[in-house]
């Protein structure tokens, strides 16, 4: 069965990475296998011109895997988030996606810093999570997970993930 996916979006500095980091730490502690897909607006290239993996890619390899002592990295041409998720859902219990705010992934949480306006309209968000003690917003789901237990409750409610 494919792992559920939870999309986490928000403006820069809203606390998305902190939320994902805390969720991964707590879920992993409970034995949940979590994959994270992070969107960046920057071009990426881990290769060095002339090195082996660069040469394989230049020769036409659709995917190159670099296996080192501490990491294994897969390099392939850019693909849609849906293609990425098809691959990343295998062998994990949950996939958290940070970013990709315009790709229609659902369920979707938008993280809001206190006093900041939402990035997406309410019909494109399943829940708003207000970081800190900001004022209650007149939005669909103004959740303020103050503890890890509350954050896990939000995640399990939105994804159907079973955590023990």
Protein backbone atom coordinates (compact mmCIF):
# COMPACT_ATOMS: atom_id res chain seq x y z
CA UNK A 1 0.00 0.00 0.00
CA UNK A 2 1.24 3.48 -0.85
CA UNK A 3 2.26 5.63 2.08
CA UNK A 4 0.10 8.68 2.77
CA UNK A 5 1.44 12.08 1.77
CA UNK A 6 1.09 15.31 3.74
CA UNK A 7 1.95 18.60 2.06
CA UNK A 8 3.36 21.39 4.24
CA UNK A 9 3.45 24.87 2.71
CA UNK A 10 3.88 28.44 3.86
CA UNK A 11 5.84 31.61 3.38
CA UNK A 12 9.59 31.73 3.93
CA UNK A 13 10.33 31.91 7.66
CA UNK A 14 6.92 30.59 8.68
CA UNK A 15 8.33 27.51 10.41
CA UNK A 16 7.78 24.80 7.80
CA UNK A 17 11.20 23.22 8.22
CA UNK A 18 10.98 23.35 12.02
CA UNK A 19 7.57 21.65 11.87
CA UNK A 20 8.81 18.93 9.49
CA UNK A 21 11.96 18.39 11.55
CA UNK A 22 9.95 17.99 14.77
CA UNK A 23 7.47 15.66 13.13
CA UNK A 24 10.20 13.47 11.63
CA UNK A 25 12.03 13.27 14.95
CA UNK A 26 8.94 12.23 16.92
CA UNK A 27 7.53 9.89 14.28
CA UNK A 28 10.91 8.18 13.83
CA UNK A 29 11.16 7.76 17.61
CA UNK A 30 7.83 5.91 17.43
CA UNK A 31 9.11 3.61 14.67
CA UNK A 32 7.41 5.35 11.74
CA UNK A 33 9.49 5.37 8.56
CA UNK A 34 9.26 8.91 7.14
CA UNK A 35 10.46 10.22 3.80
CA UNK A 36 10.77 13.97 3.22
CA UNK A 37 10.66 15.68 -0.16
CA UNK A 38 11.86 19.30 -0.06
CA UNK A 39 11.24 21.72 -2.90
CA UNK A 40 13.81 24.33 -3.86
CA UNK A 41 13.62 27.06 -6.45
CA UNK A 42 17.33 26.71 -7.18
CA UNK A 43 18.99 24.59 -9.84
CA UNK A 44 20.81 21.62 -8.34
CA UNK A 45 23.88 19.81 -9.58
CA UNK A 46 25.98 17.62 -7.32
CA UNK A 47 28.23 16.54 -10.16
CA UNK A 48 31.61 17.81 -11.25
CA UNK A 49 32.26 18.07 -14.95
CA UNK A 50 34.44 15.21 -16.13
CA UNK A 51 33.90 12.96 -13.08
CA UNK A 52 32.43 9.47 -13.47
CA UNK A 53 28.83 10.19 -12.51
CA UNK A 54 28.80 13.30 -14.73
CA UNK A 55 30.08 11.18 -17.61
CA UNK A 56 27.34 8.57 -17.04
CA UNK A 57 24.68 11.28 -17.07
CA UNK A 58 26.16 12.90 -20.17
CA UNK A 59 26.16 9.48 -21.86
CA UNK A 60 22.39 9.31 -21.33
CA UNK A 61 21.82 7.51 -18.02
CA UNK A 62 18.30 8.36 -16.86
CA UNK A 63 19.34 7.89 -13.25
CA UNK A 64 22.72 7.81 -11.54
CA UNK A 65 23.16 6.61 -7.98
CA UNK A 66 26.19 7.78 -6.01
CA UNK A 67 26.89 5.41 -3.12
CA UNK A 68 29.32 6.73 -0.54
CA UNK A 69 30.33 5.73 2.96
CA UNK A 70 27.66 7.86 4.62
CA UNK A 71 25.03 8.65 1.95
CA UNK A 72 23.46 7.30 -1.19
CA UNK A 73 22.30 9.99 -3.57
CA UNK A 74 20.15 9.52 -6.64
CA UNK A 75 20.52 12.00 -9.44
CA UNK A 76 18.02 12.16 -12.25
CA UNK A 77 16.45 14.73 -14.49
CA UNK A 78 13.82 16.93 -12.87
CA UNK A 79 10.40 15.36 -12.75
CA UNK A 80 6.99 16.29 -11.41
CA UNK A 81 6.20 15.93 -7.72
CA UNK A 82 3.74 13.18 -8.64
CA UNK A 83 6.52 11.17 -10.34
CA UNK A 84 8.79 11.74 -7.33
CA UNK A 85 6.07 10.58 -4.92
CA UNK A 86 5.40 7.44 -6.92
CA UNK A 87 8.97 6.39 -6.15
CA UNK A 88 9.35 7.84 -2.62
CA UNK A 89 6.18 6.25 -1.21
CA UNK A 90 7.74 2.80 -1.43
CA UNK A 91 9.21 1.39 1.77
CA UNK A 92 8.04 4.18 4.08
CA UNK A 93 4.98 4.80 6.24
CA UNK A 94 4.57 8.53 5.51
CA UNK A 95 5.89 11.13 3.07
CA UNK A 96 6.09 14.74 4.21
CA UNK A 97 6.41 17.22 1.36
CA UNK A 98 7.72 20.69 2.10
CA UNK A 99 6.90 23.19 -0.60
CA UNK A 100 5.36 22.43 -4.00
CA UNK A 101 2.56 24.80 -2.97
CA UNK A 102 1.17 25.08 -6.50
CA UNK A 103 1.10 21.37 -7.34
CA UNK A 104 -2.27 20.48 -5.81
CA UNK A 105 -1.04 17.97 -3.24
CA UNK A 106 -3.63 17.18 -0.57
CA UNK A 107 -4.01 17.00 2.34
CA UNK A 108 -2.17 20.29 2.82
CA UNK A 109 -1.22 22.26 5.92
CA UNK A 110 -0.18 25.89 5.63
CA UNK A 111 2.12 27.07 8.41
CA UNK A 112 1.59 30.69 9.43
CA UNK A 113 3.87 32.85 11.52
CA UNK A 114 1.97 35.08 13.96
CA UNK A 115 0.62 38.19 12.28
CA UNK A 116 1.27 36.90 8.74
CA UNK A 117 -1.37 36.55 6.07
CA UNK A 118 -2.00 33.13 4.49
CA UNK A 119 -0.06 32.29 1.34
CA UNK A 120 -2.83 30.22 -0.25
CA UNK A 121 -6.59 30.78 -0.33
CA UNK A 122 -8.66 28.72 2.16
CA UNK A 123 -10.08 26.43 -0.54
CA UNK A 124 -6.53 25.24 -1.34
CA UNK A 125 -5.65 24.36 2.26
CA UNK A 126 -6.98 21.65 4.57
CA UNK A 127 -5.63 23.18 7.76
CA UNK A 128 -3.78 26.25 8.94
CA UNK A 129 -1.23 25.78 11.66
CA UNK A 130 -0.42 29.03 13.47
CA UNK A 131 3.08 29.01 14.92
CA UNK A 132 3.35 30.40 18.42
CA UNK A 133 0.71 32.38 20.24
CA UNK A 134 -0.56 34.57 17.45
CA UNK A 135 -4.18 35.67 17.32
CA UNK A 136 -6.83 33.19 16.23
CA UNK A 137 -7.47 33.67 12.55
CA UNK A 138 -10.92 33.45 10.99
CA UNK A 139 -9.79 30.51 8.86
CA UNK A 140 -10.94 26.96 8.36
CA UNK A 141 -8.76 25.15 10.89
CA UNK A 142 -6.67 27.39 13.15
CA UNK A 143 -4.61 24.73 14.94
CA UNK A 144 -1.79 25.59 17.30
CA UNK A 145 0.08 22.39 18.13
CA UNK A 146 1.94 23.46 21.24
CA UNK A 147 3.32 20.01 21.90
CA UNK A 148 4.63 17.17 19.80
CA UNK A 149 1.61 15.09 20.83
CA UNK A 150 -0.74 17.71 19.37
CA UNK A 151 1.32 17.89 16.17
CA UNK A 152 1.18 14.09 15.78
CA UNK A 153 -2.57 14.23 16.37
CA UNK A 154 -2.94 16.67 13.47
CA UNK A 155 -0.76 14.53 11.20
CA UNK A 156 -2.56 11.28 12.01
CA UNK A 157 -5.97 12.90 11.65
CA UNK A 158 -5.13 14.31 8.24
CA UNK A 159 -3.34 11.25 6.81
CA UNK A 160 -4.96 8.29 8.57
CA UNK A 161 -1.50 7.17 9.69
CA UNK A 162 -1.56 4.74 12.62
CA UNK A 163 1.05 5.66 15.27
CA UNK A 164 1.57 3.56 18.39
